[in-house]
Amino acid sequence: MNYLNTWPLVEGLESLEGVEIVRRVPSRLVELLERDEADVSLVSLIDAQKSSAPLTIVPAGMIGCDGPTLTVRIYSQVPLETVRRVHIDTDSHTSVALARLVMRDRFGIDVELVDYDARERMPLAAASDASGEDPASGNEWPEAMLLIGDKVVTDSPPAVRYPHQLDLGEAWRELTGLPFVYAVWMCRRDRVGDPAVRRAAAVLERQRLHNATRIDQIVTDRSPEHRWPADLARRYVGECLRFDFDERARQAAGLFLEKCAALGLIGASELVVADGVLASPG
C-alpha cells in the first residue's frame, strides 16, 4: 500500500489510536492474511483466489476504475495485434491476469509472459531461464511490457520508443461495459465474526467516506512524495479511480474471476462478500 491510489482509503488511519498500517507492494499484501498478521488487508482479486487461507471481501472500499486507469498500461514497440511476448511488472498479479484476458479477448492472442523488474528494466532470472533470454543481456527496452502503479507516470518509457499503448482499465470497460476491480479489503474467512475485524471494517468504511469529501487536499498533500504532477494526480485520483465496492463493482469482480477460471488462470471462481461485517461491532 505505497502507491498514490491507496491514499483515499488509508489517509488518516495512522493517526487513529490502535491502528497500525503495514505497507507492501500489492502482490505481497495477501501474505499478511495468510500468516494472520493483519485483521484486514487490501488484496488483489487474483491473490485472494490463490491464497492458502480462504478469504472474504470486506466491502469497505476498493481500488478500481470505470474506464481508463492510467496506471495499468501495456507499452509496445509494434502494433498490439502482433505482440506475442509481454514483459510483465510483477507488482500486481491481477493486472497481469487482466493483460492476458484483454490480449486474448481483443486480439485473439495468448501472449507469453516474462517476469520483469520494471524498476531495473531487466528480466527476472527465473523467467529469463524459461524464455531463453539472458538476464544480464542489458536489453533495457523489451518489445512489449506491462507497467503498473506510479512508475507509469514517474518512470514512463519514452513514447517515441513505444508508440503503441493500451490502458487496460479502458480496454476492460470497452469489452464488458463494467468497471474493473483491482483490489479490495479482505479478511480471513475464519475471522469474519471476530470483533477486531468488525471494528477494522467499520473504521475503514468511515475513513473512506470521510476521505471522499477531501480528495483535493489529499492529492495536494501526497502527490509531491510520489513525484506526480499535481494536476495529473488530481485527475487520476478524482476522475479515473473508483473506491466504492458497489453492485456494479461486484458484478465486474465476478465476471473477471469467471473469465480467469475459464482461461485456467485460477481454479473455480468464488466471490464471497461479508456484508454483515460492516454492522456495528457492539
Protein backbone atom coordinates (compact mmCIF):
# COMPACT_ATOMS: atom_id res chain seq x y z
CA MET A 1 0.00 0.00 0.00
CA ASN A 2 2.56 2.53 -1.10
CA TYR A 3 1.01 3.98 -4.25
CA LEU A 4 -0.79 7.28 -4.73
CA ASN A 5 -4.02 5.39 -5.41
CA THR A 6 -4.20 4.00 -1.87
CA TRP A 7 -4.37 7.32 -0.04
CA PRO A 8 -8.13 7.89 -0.42
CA LEU A 9 -8.56 4.63 1.51
CA VAL A 10 -5.84 4.97 4.15
CA GLU A 11 -5.25 8.70 4.66
CA GLY A 12 -5.78 9.48 8.33
CA LEU A 13 -5.74 5.91 9.59
CA GLU A 14 -2.27 6.13 11.14
CA SER A 15 -3.41 8.93 13.43
CA LEU A 16 -6.14 6.75 14.93
CA GLU A 17 -5.42 5.03 18.21
CA GLY A 18 -4.94 1.28 17.90
CA VAL A 19 -4.46 1.32 14.11
CA GLU A 20 -1.23 0.11 12.50
CA ILE A 21 -0.58 0.34 8.76
CA VAL A 22 1.75 -2.21 7.14
CA ARG A 23 2.95 -1.27 3.65
CA ARG A 24 3.85 -3.82 0.96
CA VAL A 25 3.71 -3.96 -2.84
CA PRO A 26 0.24 -5.23 -3.88
CA SER A 27 1.41 -8.77 -4.67
CA ARG A 28 2.75 -9.21 -1.10
CA LEU A 29 -0.25 -7.96 0.89
CA VAL A 30 -2.10 -11.28 0.87
CA GLU A 31 0.72 -12.82 2.91
CA LEU A 32 -0.32 -10.72 5.91
CA LEU A 33 -3.66 -12.53 6.00
CA GLU A 34 -2.21 -15.94 5.23
CA ARG A 35 0.08 -15.59 8.25
CA ASP A 36 -2.73 -14.00 10.28
CA GLU A 37 -0.57 -10.92 10.84
CA ALA A 38 -3.31 -8.41 9.96
CA ASP A 39 -7.02 -8.12 10.66
CA VAL A 40 -7.72 -6.87 7.12
CA SER A 41 -5.59 -6.29 4.05
CA LEU A 42 -6.01 -4.67 0.66
CA VAL A 43 -5.73 -7.75 -1.54
CA SER A 44 -5.91 -8.17 -5.30
CA LEU A 45 -8.64 -10.43 -6.69
CA ILE A 46 -6.21 -12.94 -8.15
CA ASP A 47 -4.13 -13.20 -4.99
CA ALA A 48 -7.29 -13.85 -2.98
CA GLN A 49 -8.27 -16.74 -5.24
CA LYS A 50 -4.84 -18.30 -4.93
CA SER A 51 -4.44 -17.70 -1.21
CA SER A 52 -3.62 -20.61 1.07
CA ALA A 53 -6.20 -19.23 3.53
CA PRO A 54 -9.82 -18.78 2.37
CA LEU A 55 -10.58 -15.05 2.25
CA THR A 56 -13.71 -12.91 2.29
CA ILE A 57 -14.25 -9.44 0.86
CA VAL A 58 -14.86 -6.69 3.41
CA PRO A 59 -16.93 -4.16 1.39
CA ALA A 60 -15.33 -1.11 2.96
CA GLY A 61 -13.60 0.14 -0.16
CA MET A 62 -11.64 -0.92 -3.22
CA ILE A 63 -9.20 0.31 -5.80
CA GLY A 64 -10.85 0.20 -9.19
CA CYS A 65 -11.77 2.20 -12.26
CA ASP A 66 -14.70 2.68 -14.61
CA GLY A 67 -12.84 3.44 -17.79
CA PRO A 68 -9.20 4.48 -18.18
CA THR A 69 -6.98 3.53 -15.25
CA LEU A 70 -3.91 5.49 -16.41
CA THR A 71 -1.52 3.40 -14.29
CA VAL A 72 -2.12 -0.09 -15.70
CA ARG A 73 -0.78 0.03 -19.23
CA ILE A 74 0.78 -2.11 -21.95
CA TYR A 75 3.57 -0.43 -23.93
CA SER A 76 4.59 -1.88 -27.27
CA GLN A 77 7.06 -1.06 -29.99
CA VAL A 78 4.93 -2.95 -32.52
CA PRO A 79 1.17 -2.94 -33.23
CA LEU A 80 -0.60 -4.65 -30.33
CA GLU A 81 -2.23 -7.27 -32.55
CA THR A 82 1.25 -8.55 -33.47
CA VAL A 83 2.55 -8.84 -29.87
CA ARG A 84 3.41 -12.38 -28.80
CA ARG A 85 5.50 -11.79 -25.68
CA VAL A 86 4.94 -9.26 -22.89
CA HIS A 87 7.42 -8.46 -20.14
CA ILE A 88 5.28 -8.03 -17.04
CA ASP A 89 5.67 -5.84 -14.00
CA THR A 90 5.05 -8.35 -11.19
CA ASP A 91 3.86 -5.83 -8.57
CA SER A 92 0.20 -6.75 -9.26
CA HIS A 93 -0.92 -10.26 -10.22
CA THR A 94 -4.45 -9.07 -11.00
CA SER A 95 -3.13 -6.60 -13.59
CA VAL A 96 -1.12 -9.41 -15.18
CA ALA A 97 -4.24 -11.58 -15.45
CA LEU A 98 -6.16 -8.63 -16.89
CA ALA A 99 -3.47 -8.18 -19.54
CA ARG A 100 -3.82 -11.82 -20.60
CA LEU A 101 -7.61 -11.56 -20.75
CA VAL A 102 -7.60 -8.34 -22.76
CA MET A 103 -5.00 -9.57 -25.24
CA ARG A 104 -7.00 -12.76 -25.76
CA ASP A 105 -10.47 -11.21 -25.95
CA ARG A 106 -9.48 -8.17 -28.00
CA PHE A 107 -6.82 -9.59 -30.29
CA GLY A 108 -7.19 -13.38 -30.01
CA ILE A 109 -3.62 -13.70 -28.75
CA ASP A 110 -2.36 -15.93 -25.93
CA VAL A 111 0.71 -13.93 -25.06
CA GLU A 112 3.84 -15.37 -23.48
CA LEU A 113 4.63 -13.60 -20.21
CA VAL A 114 8.13 -12.83 -18.93
CA ASP A 115 8.51 -11.64 -15.34
CA TYR A 116 10.21 -8.29 -15.44
CA ASP A 117 11.80 -5.97 -12.88
CA ALA A 118 10.32 -2.73 -14.14
CA ARG A 119 12.49 -0.64 -11.84
CA GLU A 120 15.74 -2.17 -13.10
CA ARG A 121 14.37 -2.82 -16.61
CA MET A 122 15.66 -6.38 -16.59
CA PRO A 123 14.01 -9.81 -16.91
CA LEU A 124 13.99 -11.71 -13.64
CA ALA A 125 16.32 -14.71 -13.57
CA ALA A 126 13.67 -17.38 -13.19
CA ALA A 127 11.60 -16.01 -16.05
CA SER A 128 14.67 -15.49 -18.21
CA ASP A 129 15.59 -19.13 -17.96
CA ALA A 130 12.14 -20.09 -19.18
CA SER A 131 12.08 -17.57 -22.01
CA GLY A 132 15.61 -18.19 -23.20
CA GLU A 133 16.68 -14.60 -22.54
CA ASP A 134 19.86 -13.69 -20.74
CA PRO A 135 19.01 -11.68 -17.59
CA ALA A 136 22.34 -9.90 -17.88
CA SER A 137 21.92 -9.04 -21.53
CA GLY A 138 21.24 -5.38 -20.75
CA ASN A 139 18.22 -5.27 -23.05
CA GLU A 140 16.76 -2.21 -21.39
CA TRP A 141 13.67 -1.87 -23.55
CA PRO A 142 11.66 -5.04 -24.29
CA GLU A 143 9.43 -5.09 -27.33
CA ALA A 144 6.26 -5.04 -25.18
CA MET A 145 5.78 -4.61 -21.45
CA LEU A 146 3.11 -4.15 -18.82
CA LEU A 147 3.71 -1.42 -16.24
CA ILE A 148 1.56 -0.66 -13.21
CA GLY A 149 1.43 1.93 -10.47
CA ASP A 150 3.18 5.25 -10.02
CA LYS A 151 6.08 4.28 -12.26
CA VAL A 152 3.77 4.65 -15.28
CA VAL A 153 3.90 8.39 -14.58
CA THR A 154 7.20 8.87 -12.75
CA ASP A 155 9.35 6.47 -14.81
CA SER A 156 7.39 6.12 -18.01
CA PRO A 157 9.27 4.77 -21.05
CA PRO A 158 9.70 7.20 -23.93
CA ALA A 159 6.63 7.45 -26.14
CA VAL A 160 8.80 7.62 -29.25
CA ARG A 161 10.07 4.13 -28.43
CA TYR A 162 6.60 2.81 -27.54
CA PRO A 163 4.09 4.32 -29.97
CA HIS A 164 1.50 1.60 -29.26
CA GLN A 165 -0.09 1.71 -25.80
CA LEU A 166 -3.17 0.19 -24.21
CA ASP A 167 -4.85 1.28 -20.98
CA LEU A 168 -6.21 -1.97 -19.55
CA GLY A 169 -8.97 -0.38 -17.49
CA GLU A 170 -10.32 1.33 -20.58
CA ALA A 171 -9.98 -1.89 -22.61
CA TRP A 172 -11.93 -3.87 -19.98
CA ARG A 173 -14.73 -1.29 -19.97
CA GLU A 174 -14.95 -1.46 -23.76
CA LEU A 175 -15.12 -5.27 -23.66
CA THR A 176 -17.62 -5.65 -20.80
CA GLY A 177 -19.32 -2.32 -20.12
CA LEU A 178 -18.33 -2.72 -16.48
CA PRO A 179 -15.82 -1.14 -14.10
CA PHE A 180 -12.73 -3.05 -13.08
CA VAL A 181 -11.73 -4.04 -9.55
CA TYR A 182 -8.01 -4.37 -8.84
CA ALA A 183 -8.05 -4.83 -5.07
CA VAL A 184 -10.49 -4.85 -2.16
CA TRP A 185 -10.24 -5.00 1.60
CA MET A 186 -10.31 -8.63 2.71
CA CYS A 187 -10.10 -10.71 5.86
CA ARG A 188 -9.62 -14.37 6.63
CA ARG A 189 -12.92 -16.22 6.26
CA ASP A 190 -12.47 -17.85 9.66
CA ARG A 191 -12.30 -14.39 11.26
CA VAL A 192 -15.38 -12.72 9.76
CA GLY A 193 -17.11 -12.66 13.14
CA ASP A 194 -14.03 -11.54 15.05
CA PRO A 195 -14.68 -8.23 16.88
CA ALA A 196 -11.26 -6.93 15.77
CA VAL A 197 -12.17 -7.49 12.12
CA ARG A 198 -15.57 -5.88 12.55
CA ARG A 199 -14.01 -2.85 14.21
CA ALA A 200 -11.42 -2.59 11.45
CA ALA A 201 -14.15 -2.78 8.78
CA ALA A 202 -16.14 -0.02 10.47
CA VAL A 203 -13.06 2.21 10.74
CA LEU A 204 -12.12 1.64 7.09
CA GLU A 205 -15.59 2.45 5.81
CA ARG A 206 -15.86 5.57 7.95
CA GLN A 207 -12.44 6.78 6.85
CA ARG A 208 -13.14 6.10 3.16
CA LEU A 209 -16.34 8.14 3.30
CA HIS A 210 -14.57 10.95 5.14
CA ASN A 211 -11.67 10.98 2.68
CA ALA A 212 -14.09 11.17 -0.25
CA THR A 213 -15.00 14.68 0.93
CA ARG A 214 -11.39 15.90 0.85
CA ILE A 215 -9.80 14.27 -2.18
CA ASP A 216 -8.32 17.53 -3.43
CA GLN A 217 -6.47 18.11 -0.16
CA ILE A 218 -5.20 14.52 -0.05
CA VAL A 219 -3.84 14.84 -3.59
CA THR A 220 -2.22 18.19 -2.82
CA ASP A 221 -0.51 16.74 0.24
CA ARG A 222 0.54 13.39 -1.21
CA SER A 223 1.37 13.93 -4.89
CA PRO A 224 4.83 15.50 -4.24
CA GLU A 225 6.13 12.49 -2.30
CA HIS A 226 5.08 10.24 -5.18
CA ARG A 227 6.59 12.65 -7.75
CA TRP A 228 3.29 13.18 -9.55
CA PRO A 229 2.37 16.48 -11.19
CA ALA A 230 -0.46 17.83 -9.04
CA ASP A 231 -2.92 18.37 -11.91
CA LEU A 232 -2.42 14.84 -13.27
CA ALA A 233 -2.66 13.34 -9.77
CA ARG A 234 -5.92 15.21 -9.21
CA ARG A 235 -7.42 13.85 -12.43
CA TYR A 236 -6.16 10.34 -11.69
CA VAL A 237 -7.48 10.09 -8.14
CA GLY A 238 -10.57 12.24 -8.59
CA GLU A 239 -11.74 11.08 -12.03
CA CYS A 240 -10.09 7.82 -13.10
CA LEU A 241 -10.30 5.80 -9.90
CA ARG A 242 -13.27 4.32 -8.02
CA PHE A 243 -13.19 3.41 -4.33
CA ASP A 244 -16.74 2.23 -3.57
CA PHE A 245 -17.31 -1.52 -3.86
CA ASP A 246 -20.87 -1.14 -5.15
CA GLU A 247 -23.15 -3.52 -7.05
CA ARG A 248 -21.57 -2.85 -10.46
CA ALA A 249 -18.14 -3.48 -8.94
CA ARG A 250 -19.38 -6.80 -7.55
CA GLN A 251 -20.66 -7.80 -10.98
CA ALA A 252 -17.35 -6.81 -12.56
CA ALA A 253 -15.29 -8.73 -9.99
CA GLY A 254 -17.41 -11.83 -10.50
CA LEU A 255 -17.11 -11.64 -14.30
CA PHE A 256 -13.35 -11.14 -14.10
CA LEU A 257 -12.92 -14.22 -11.92
CA GLU A 258 -15.17 -16.27 -14.21
CA LYS A 259 -13.03 -15.29 -17.20
CA CYS A 260 -9.84 -16.09 -15.32
CA ALA A 261 -11.18 -19.52 -14.39
CA ALA A 262 -12.21 -20.20 -17.99
CA LEU A 263 -8.68 -19.33 -19.12
CA GLY A 264 -7.16 -21.60 -16.46
CA LEU A 265 -5.51 -18.77 -14.54
CA ILE A 266 -7.29 -19.76 -11.31
CA GLY A 267 -9.41 -22.66 -10.14
CA ALA A 268 -13.17 -22.38 -9.85
CA SER A 269 -14.01 -18.73 -9.24
CA GLU A 270 -15.52 -17.73 -5.92
CA LEU A 271 -16.57 -14.27 -4.79
CA VAL A 272 -17.52 -14.17 -1.10
CA VAL A 273 -18.57 -10.84 0.42
CA ALA A 274 -19.03 -10.36 4.17
CA ASP A 275 -21.75 -7.70 4.03
CA GLY A 276 -22.66 -8.12 7.68
CA VAL A 277 -19.15 -7.28 8.81
CA LEU A 278 -19.92 -3.57 8.44
CA ALA A 279 -22.62 -3.77 11.08
CA SER A 280 -21.80 -2.22 14.44
CA PRO A 281 -19.36 -4.47 16.32
CA GLY A 282 -21.09 -3.58 19.57
